[in-house]
Amino acid sequence: MSSRTPSSPPARSERLARSPVVRHAGQLWLAIGPGSILATDPTLTGELDRFADAMAAADQAVADLRSQQADPPAPRPRWQR
Protein backbone atom coordinates (compact mmCIF):
# COMPACT_ATOMS: atom_id res chain seq x y z
CA MET A 1 0.00 0.00 0.00
CA SER A 2 1.25 3.48 -0.87
CA SER A 3 1.49 6.24 1.71
CA ARG A 4 1.11 9.02 -0.84
CA THR A 5 -0.66 12.10 0.38
CA PRO A 6 -2.92 14.04 -1.93
CA SER A 7 -0.97 16.71 -3.76
CA SER A 8 -1.78 20.29 -2.92
CA PRO A 9 -3.32 22.42 -5.63
CA PRO A 10 -0.81 24.31 -7.75
CA ALA A 11 0.19 27.64 -6.27
CA ARG A 12 -1.31 30.66 -7.97
CA SER A 13 1.08 33.19 -9.48
CA GLU A 14 0.32 36.86 -9.78
CA ARG A 15 2.24 39.73 -11.32
CA LEU A 16 3.12 42.44 -8.84
CA ALA A 17 1.64 45.78 -9.93
CA ARG A 18 2.40 45.44 -13.64
CA SER A 19 6.10 44.93 -12.95
CA PRO A 20 8.51 42.11 -13.87
CA VAL A 21 7.99 40.74 -10.35
CA VAL A 22 5.78 37.71 -9.76
CA ARG A 23 4.52 36.45 -6.41
CA HIS A 24 4.36 32.66 -6.48
CA ALA A 25 3.71 30.48 -3.44
CA GLY A 26 4.41 33.41 -1.12
CA GLN A 27 7.79 34.17 -2.70
CA LEU A 28 8.80 37.02 -4.99
CA TRP A 29 10.49 36.19 -8.29
CA LEU A 30 12.07 38.56 -10.77
CA ALA A 31 10.80 37.32 -14.13
CA ILE A 32 13.17 38.63 -16.78
CA GLY A 33 13.36 37.20 -20.26
CA PRO A 34 13.15 33.42 -20.41
CA GLY A 35 14.14 32.90 -16.76
CA SER A 36 13.42 34.05 -13.24
CA ILE A 37 15.40 34.77 -10.08
CA LEU A 38 14.12 34.30 -6.54
CA ALA A 39 14.21 37.58 -4.60
CA THR A 40 15.53 36.78 -1.13
CA ASP A 41 16.93 40.12 0.06
CA PRO A 42 14.60 41.38 2.82
CA THR A 43 15.19 45.04 1.91
CA LEU A 44 14.29 44.40 -1.73
CA THR A 45 11.24 42.28 -0.97
CA GLY A 46 10.04 44.84 1.59
CA GLU A 47 10.31 47.63 -0.98
CA LEU A 48 8.52 45.51 -3.56
CA ASP A 49 5.70 44.82 -1.11
CA ARG A 50 5.39 48.55 -0.30
CA PHE A 51 5.38 49.35 -4.02
CA ALA A 52 2.63 46.80 -4.64
CA ASP A 53 0.56 48.22 -1.76
CA ALA A 54 0.96 51.78 -3.10
CA MET A 55 -0.01 50.70 -6.62
CA ALA A 56 -3.06 48.81 -5.33
CA ALA A 57 -4.16 51.90 -3.36
CA ALA A 58 -3.67 54.12 -6.43
CA ASP A 59 -5.60 51.69 -8.64
CA GLN A 60 -8.44 51.66 -6.11
CA ALA A 61 -8.50 55.46 -5.93
CA VAL A 62 -8.73 55.69 -9.73
CA ALA A 63 -11.51 53.08 -9.79
CA ASP A 64 -13.41 55.02 -7.12
CA LEU A 65 -13.10 58.26 -9.11
CA ARG A 66 -14.29 56.56 -12.29
CA SER A 67 -17.23 55.07 -10.42
CA GLN A 68 -18.20 58.49 -9.09
CA GLN A 69 -17.98 60.01 -12.57
CA ALA A 70 -20.17 57.25 -14.01
CA ASP A 71 -22.94 57.93 -11.49
CA PRO A 72 -25.52 60.44 -12.71
CA PRO A 73 -25.44 63.73 -10.81
CA ALA A 74 -27.90 64.05 -7.97
CA PRO A 75 -30.95 66.15 -8.88
CA ARG A 76 -30.78 69.67 -7.53
CA PRO A 77 -33.71 71.14 -5.60
CA ARG A 78 -35.96 73.38 -7.73
CA TRP A 79 -35.09 76.50 -5.78
CA GLN A 80 -31.40 76.16 -6.88
CA ARG A 81 -32.16 76.09 -10.63
C-alpha atoms as a PDB file:
ATOM      1  CA  MET A   1       0.000   0.000   0.000  1.00  0.00           C
ATOM      2  CA  SER A   2       1.251   3.477  -0.867  1.00  0.00           C
ATOM      3  CA  SER A   3       1.493   6.243   1.711  1.00  0.00           C
ATOM      4  CA  ARG A   4       1.113   9.019  -0.836  1.00  0.00           C
ATOM      5  CA  THR A   5      -0.660  12.096   0.384  1.00  0.00           C
ATOM      6  CA  PRO A   6      -2.920  14.044  -1.932  1.00  0.00           C
ATOM      7  CA  SER A   7      -0.969  16.708  -3.756  1.00  0.00           C
ATOM      8  CA  SER A   8      -1.779  20.292  -2.924  1.00  0.00           C
ATOM      9  CA  PRO A   9      -3.319  22.424  -5.626  1.00  0.00           C
ATOM     10  CA  PRO A  10      -0.810  24.312  -7.747  1.00  0.00           C
ATOM     11  CA  ALA A  11       0.195  27.638  -6.273  1.00  0.00           C
ATOM     12  CA  ARG A  12      -1.313  30.658  -7.966  1.00  0.00           C
ATOM     13  CA  SER A  13       1.077  33.189  -9.478  1.00  0.00           C
ATOM     14  CA  GLU A  14       0.319  36.862  -9.777  1.00  0.00           C
ATOM     15  CA  ARG A  15       2.237  39.734 -11.319  1.00  0.00           C
ATOM     16  CA  LEU A  16       3.116  42.443  -8.837  1.00  0.00           C
ATOM     17  CA  ALA A  17       1.644  45.780  -9.927  1.00  0.00           C
ATOM     18  CA  ARG A  18       2.398  45.442 -13.643  1.00  0.00           C
ATOM     19  CA  SER A  19       6.104  44.928 -12.954  1.00  0.00           C
ATOM     20  CA  PRO A  20       8.513  42.112 -13.869  1.00  0.00           C
ATOM     21  CA  VAL A  21       7.994  40.744 -10.355  1.00  0.00           C
ATOM     22  CA  VAL A  22       5.784  37.706  -9.763  1.00  0.00           C
ATOM     23  CA  ARG A  23       4.523  36.451  -6.408  1.00  0.00           C
ATOM     24  CA  HIS A  24       4.355  32.656  -6.478  1.00  0.00           C
ATOM     25  CA  ALA A  25       3.708  30.475  -3.443  1.00  0.00           C
ATOM     26  CA  GLY A  26       4.408  33.411  -1.123  1.00  0.00           C
ATOM     27  CA  GLN A  27       7.791  34.167  -2.696  1.00  0.00           C
ATOM     28  CA  LEU A  28       8.802  37.023  -4.989  1.00  0.00           C
ATOM     29  CA  TRP A  29      10.485  36.187  -8.286  1.00  0.00           C
ATOM     30  CA  LEU A  30      12.070  38.556 -10.773  1.00  0.00           C
ATOM     31  CA  ALA A  31      10.804  37.316 -14.132  1.00  0.00           C
ATOM     32  CA  ILE A  32      13.170  38.631 -16.779  1.00  0.00           C
ATOM     33  CA  GLY A  33      13.358  37.196 -20.256  1.00  0.00           C
ATOM     34  CA  PRO A  34      13.149  33.422 -20.408  1.00  0.00           C
ATOM     35  CA  GLY A  35      14.135  32.896 -16.759  1.00  0.00           C
ATOM     36  CA  SER A  36      13.422  34.051 -13.240  1.00  0.00           C
ATOM     37  CA  ILE A  37      15.399  34.769 -10.083  1.00  0.00           C
ATOM     38  CA  LEU A  38      14.119  34.296  -6.542  1.00  0.00           C
ATOM     39  CA  ALA A  39      14.210  37.577  -4.601  1.00  0.00           C
ATOM     40  CA  THR A  40      15.526  36.785  -1.129  1.00  0.00           C
ATOM     41  CA  ASP A  41      16.928  40.121   0.064  1.00  0.00           C
ATOM     42  CA  PRO A  42      14.596  41.385   2.818  1.00  0.00           C
ATOM     43  CA  THR A  43      15.189  45.038   1.909  1.00  0.00           C
ATOM     44  CA  LEU A  44      14.287  44.402  -1.735  1.00  0.00           C
ATOM     45  CA  THR A  45      11.240  42.277  -0.965  1.00  0.00           C
ATOM     46  CA  GLY A  46      10.042  44.844   1.591  1.00  0.00           C
ATOM     47  CA  GLU A  47      10.314  47.629  -0.981  1.00  0.00           C
ATOM     48  CA  LEU A  48       8.521  45.512  -3.565  1.00  0.00           C
ATOM     49  CA  ASP A  49       5.696  44.821  -1.112  1.00  0.00           C
ATOM     50  CA  ARG A  50       5.395  48.554  -0.297  1.00  0.00           C
ATOM     51  CA  PHE A  51       5.377  49.346  -4.016  1.00  0.00           C
ATOM     52  CA  ALA A  52       2.626  46.802  -4.635  1.00  0.00           C
ATOM     53  CA  ASP A  53       0.559  48.219  -1.760  1.00  0.00           C
ATOM     54  CA  ALA A  54       0.960  51.778  -3.101  1.00  0.00           C
ATOM     55  CA  MET A  55      -0.011  50.699  -6.620  1.00  0.00           C
ATOM     56  CA  ALA A  56      -3.057  48.813  -5.326  1.00  0.00           C
ATOM     57  CA  ALA A  57      -4.162  51.898  -3.356  1.00  0.00           C
ATOM     58  CA  ALA A  58      -3.675  54.119  -6.434  1.00  0.00           C
ATOM     59  CA  ASP A  59      -5.598  51.689  -8.641  1.00  0.00           C
ATOM     60  CA  GLN A  60      -8.445  51.661  -6.106  1.00  0.00           C
ATOM     61  CA  ALA A  61      -8.502  55.461  -5.927  1.00  0.00           C
ATOM     62  CA  VAL A  62      -8.735  55.687  -9.728  1.00  0.00           C
ATOM     63  CA  ALA A  63     -11.509  53.077  -9.789  1.00  0.00           C
ATOM     64  CA  ASP A  64     -13.406  55.023  -7.117  1.00  0.00           C
ATOM     65  CA  LEU A  65     -13.099  58.258  -9.114  1.00  0.00           C
ATOM     66  CA  ARG A  66     -14.285  56.556 -12.285  1.00  0.00           C
ATOM     67  CA  SER A  67     -17.227  55.071 -10.424  1.00  0.00           C
ATOM     68  CA  GLN A  68     -18.204  58.494  -9.088  1.00  0.00           C
ATOM     69  CA  GLN A  69     -17.983  60.010 -12.570  1.00  0.00           C
ATOM     70  CA  ALA A  70     -20.165  57.250 -14.008  1.00  0.00           C
ATOM     71  CA  ASP A  71     -22.937  57.931 -11.493  1.00  0.00           C
ATOM     72  CA  PRO A  72     -25.516  60.441 -12.707  1.00  0.00           C
ATOM     73  CA  PRO A  73     -25.442  63.725 -10.805  1.00  0.00           C
ATOM     74  CA  ALA A  74     -27.903  64.049  -7.970  1.00  0.00           C
ATOM     75  CA  PRO A  75     -30.951  66.147  -8.878  1.00  0.00           C
ATOM     76  CA  ARG A  76     -30.783  69.675  -7.527  1.00  0.00           C
ATOM     77  CA  PRO A  77     -33.710  71.136  -5.599  1.00  0.00           C
ATOM     78  CA  ARG A  78     -35.956  73.377  -7.730  1.00  0.00           C
ATOM     79  CA  TRP A  79     -35.090  76.500  -5.780  1.00  0.00           C
ATOM     80  CA  GLN A  80     -31.404  76.162  -6.880  1.00  0.00           C
ATOM     81  CA  ARG A  81     -32.161  76.089 -10.634  1.00  0.00           C
END
